[in-house]
C-alpha atoms as a PDB file:
ATOM      1  CA  MET A   1     -30.821  33.046   7.044  1.00  0.00           C
ATOM      2  CA  ASP A   2     -33.329  35.464   4.803  1.00  0.00           C
ATOM      3  CA  ILE A   3     -36.570  36.418   6.494  1.00  0.00           C
ATOM      4  CA  MET A   4     -38.477  34.960   3.377  1.00  0.00           C
ATOM      5  CA  GLN A   5     -36.970  31.623   3.840  1.00  0.00           C
ATOM      6  CA  THR A   6     -37.525  31.711   7.615  1.00  0.00           C
ATOM      7  CA  ILE A   7     -41.336  32.553   7.012  1.00  0.00           C
ATOM      8  CA  ARG A   8     -41.382  29.431   4.495  1.00  0.00           C
ATOM      9  CA  GLU A   9     -39.952  27.331   7.071  1.00  0.00           C
ATOM     10  CA  GLN A  10     -42.393  28.219   9.674  1.00  0.00           C
ATOM     11  CA  ILE A  11     -45.401  27.647   7.177  1.00  0.00           C
ATOM     12  CA  GLU A  12     -44.023  24.317   5.817  1.00  0.00           C
ATOM     13  CA  SER A  13     -43.025  23.066   9.251  1.00  0.00           C
ATOM     14  CA  ASN A  14     -46.261  23.657  10.989  1.00  0.00           C
ATOM     15  CA  ASP A  15     -49.616  22.375   9.973  1.00  0.00           C
ATOM     16  CA  ILE A  16     -51.396  24.831  11.741  1.00  0.00           C
ATOM     17  CA  ILE A  17     -50.135  28.343  12.102  1.00  0.00           C
ATOM     18  CA  LEU A  18     -51.297  31.542  13.099  1.00  0.00           C
ATOM     19  CA  TYR A  19     -49.479  34.855  12.754  1.00  0.00           C
ATOM     20  CA  MET A  20     -51.165  37.338  15.164  1.00  0.00           C
ATOM     21  CA  LYS A  21     -50.358  40.213  17.314  1.00  0.00           C
ATOM     22  CA  GLY A  22     -49.501  38.728  20.844  1.00  0.00           C
ATOM     23  CA  SER A  23     -50.194  35.097  22.154  1.00  0.00           C
ATOM     24  CA  PRO A  24     -53.322  33.130  22.345  1.00  0.00           C
ATOM     25  CA  ASP A  25     -52.971  33.637  25.970  1.00  0.00           C
ATOM     26  CA  ALA A  26     -52.618  37.329  25.864  1.00  0.00           C
ATOM     27  CA  PRO A  27     -53.766  38.662  22.376  1.00  0.00           C
ATOM     28  CA  GLN A  28     -52.869  42.191  21.620  1.00  0.00           C
ATOM     29  CA  CYS A  29     -55.673  43.414  19.305  1.00  0.00           C
ATOM     30  CA  GLY A  30     -59.193  42.600  18.998  1.00  0.00           C
ATOM     31  CA  PHE A  31     -59.029  40.858  15.459  1.00  0.00           C
ATOM     32  CA  SER A  32     -56.233  38.599  16.877  1.00  0.00           C
ATOM     33  CA  ALA A  33     -58.417  37.965  19.879  1.00  0.00           C
ATOM     34  CA  GLN A  34     -61.424  37.052  17.894  1.00  0.00           C
ATOM     35  CA  THR A  35     -59.431  34.718  15.908  1.00  0.00           C
ATOM     36  CA  VAL A  36     -57.904  32.815  18.745  1.00  0.00           C
ATOM     37  CA  GLN A  37     -61.432  32.171  20.049  1.00  0.00           C
ATOM     38  CA  CYS A  38     -62.402  30.630  16.661  1.00  0.00           C
ATOM     39  CA  MET A  39     -59.164  28.265  16.861  1.00  0.00           C
ATOM     40  CA  MET A  40     -59.344  27.488  20.779  1.00  0.00           C
ATOM     41  CA  ALA A  41     -63.060  26.455  19.915  1.00  0.00           C
ATOM     42  CA  CYS A  42     -61.817  24.001  17.289  1.00  0.00           C
ATOM     43  CA  GLY A  43     -59.813  22.148  20.288  1.00  0.00           C
ATOM     44  CA  GLU A  44     -56.498  21.371  18.368  1.00  0.00           C
ATOM     45  CA  ARG A  45     -53.017  22.803  18.958  1.00  0.00           C
ATOM     46  CA  PHE A  46     -51.497  25.340  16.832  1.00  0.00           C
ATOM     47  CA  ALA A  47     -48.471  27.083  16.334  1.00  0.00           C
ATOM     48  CA  PHE A  48     -48.215  31.087  16.564  1.00  0.00           C
ATOM     49  CA  VAL A  49     -45.914  33.805  15.745  1.00  0.00           C
ATOM     50  CA  ASP A  50     -46.122  37.078  17.685  1.00  0.00           C
ATOM     51  CA  VAL A  51     -45.691  39.641  14.844  1.00  0.00           C
ATOM     52  CA  LEU A  52     -45.084  42.317  17.611  1.00  0.00           C
ATOM     53  CA  SER A  53     -42.105  40.902  18.647  1.00  0.00           C
ATOM     54  CA  ASN A  54     -40.843  39.841  15.393  1.00  0.00           C
ATOM     55  CA  PRO A  55     -40.783  43.230  13.135  1.00  0.00           C
ATOM     56  CA  GLU A  56     -39.222  41.210  10.165  1.00  0.00           C
ATOM     57  CA  ILE A  57     -41.961  39.018  10.055  1.00  0.00           C
ATOM     58  CA  ARG A  58     -44.467  41.808  10.563  1.00  0.00           C
ATOM     59  CA  ALA A  59     -42.713  43.579   7.853  1.00  0.00           C
ATOM     60  CA  ASN A  60     -42.266  40.609   5.304  1.00  0.00           C
ATOM     61  CA  LEU A  61     -45.137  38.310   5.585  1.00  0.00           C
ATOM     62  CA  PRO A  62     -47.731  40.621   3.825  1.00  0.00           C
ATOM     63  CA  GLN A  63     -45.596  40.371   1.161  1.00  0.00           C
ATOM     64  CA  TYR A  64     -45.045  36.517   1.213  1.00  0.00           C
ATOM     65  CA  GLY A  65     -48.792  35.559   1.440  1.00  0.00           C
ATOM     66  CA  HIS A  66     -50.063  38.673  -0.432  1.00  0.00           C
ATOM     67  CA  TRP A  67     -52.468  39.632   2.710  1.00  0.00           C
ATOM     68  CA  PRO A  68     -51.991  43.047   3.785  1.00  0.00           C
ATOM     69  CA  THR A  69     -53.212  42.433   7.716  1.00  0.00           C
ATOM     70  CA  PHE A  70     -53.034  40.511  10.673  1.00  0.00           C
ATOM     71  CA  PRO A  71     -53.812  38.027  11.980  1.00  0.00           C
ATOM     72  CA  GLN A  72     -53.236  35.441   9.039  1.00  0.00           C
ATOM     73  CA  LEU A  73     -54.033  31.752   9.492  1.00  0.00           C
ATOM     74  CA  TRP A  74     -51.870  29.332   7.641  1.00  0.00           C
ATOM     75  CA  VAL A  75     -53.163  25.748   7.237  1.00  0.00           C
ATOM     76  CA  LYS A  76     -51.181  23.022   5.470  1.00  0.00           C
ATOM     77  CA  GLY A  77     -48.994  25.730   3.739  1.00  0.00           C
ATOM     78  CA  GLU A  78     -52.245  27.708   2.358  1.00  0.00           C
ATOM     79  CA  LEU A  79     -53.104  30.825   3.598  1.00  0.00           C
ATOM     80  CA  VAL A  80     -56.755  30.631   5.058  1.00  0.00           C
ATOM     81  CA  GLY A  81     -57.283  34.409   5.802  1.00  0.00           C
ATOM     82  CA  GLY A  82     -57.626  36.938   8.499  1.00  0.00           C
ATOM     83  CA  CYS A  83     -60.115  37.488  11.058  1.00  0.00           C
ATOM     84  CA  ASP A  84     -63.420  37.969   9.155  1.00  0.00           C
ATOM     85  CA  ILE A  85     -62.627  34.626   6.986  1.00  0.00           C
ATOM     86  CA  VAL A  86     -61.741  32.947   9.930  1.00  0.00           C
ATOM     87  CA  THR A  87     -64.935  33.876  12.150  1.00  0.00           C
ATOM     88  CA  GLU A  88     -67.193  33.314   9.109  1.00  0.00           C
ATOM     89  CA  MET A  89     -65.884  29.831   8.739  1.00  0.00           C
ATOM     90  CA  HIS A  90     -66.231  29.243  12.365  1.00  0.00           C
ATOM     91  CA  GLU A  91     -69.897  30.318  12.392  1.00  0.00           C
ATOM     92  CA  LYS A  92     -70.388  28.192   9.211  1.00  0.00           C
ATOM     93  CA  GLY A  93     -68.686  25.013  10.714  1.00  0.00           C
ATOM     94  CA  GLU A  94     -66.222  25.012   8.247  1.00  0.00           C
ATOM     95  CA  LEU A  95     -63.214  26.052  10.467  1.00  0.00           C
ATOM     96  CA  GLN A  96     -63.344  23.174  12.615  1.00  0.00           C
ATOM     97  CA  THR A  97     -63.459  20.425   9.739  1.00  0.00           C
ATOM     98  CA  LEU A  98     -60.322  22.138   8.118  1.00  0.00           C
ATOM     99  CA  ILE A  99     -58.300  22.193  11.503  1.00  0.00           C
ATOM    100  CA  LYS A 100     -59.386  18.736  12.593  1.00  0.00           C
ATOM    101  CA  ASP A 101     -58.418  17.698   9.137  1.00  0.00           C
ATOM    102  CA  ALA A 102     -55.155  19.381   9.368  1.00  0.00           C
ATOM    103  CA  ALA A 103     -54.394  18.355  12.631  1.00  0.00           C
ATOM    104  CA  ALA A 104     -54.948  14.653  11.870  1.00  0.00           C
END
């Protein structure tokens, strides 16, 4: 299967998916750790893909979403953004609303 198709299927089949370095239990960079903290505070389950153990996804996701860095949070098929955006949304209370609505 084409890697772009794989990425598309992951995003379409998961209402909330985080592409990150490492896993939620063991983030491998500070930005991924910060993003996971914000996500965990929302109290909803989310899918994740470790881009360090998936080099093809790591290489191609920036082209797919037109976003150059990791982590990347996708909700209901739309790119929300990276660490700074997720953190800002969390601080404003917007992230919890977005995540709760997506998980409902």
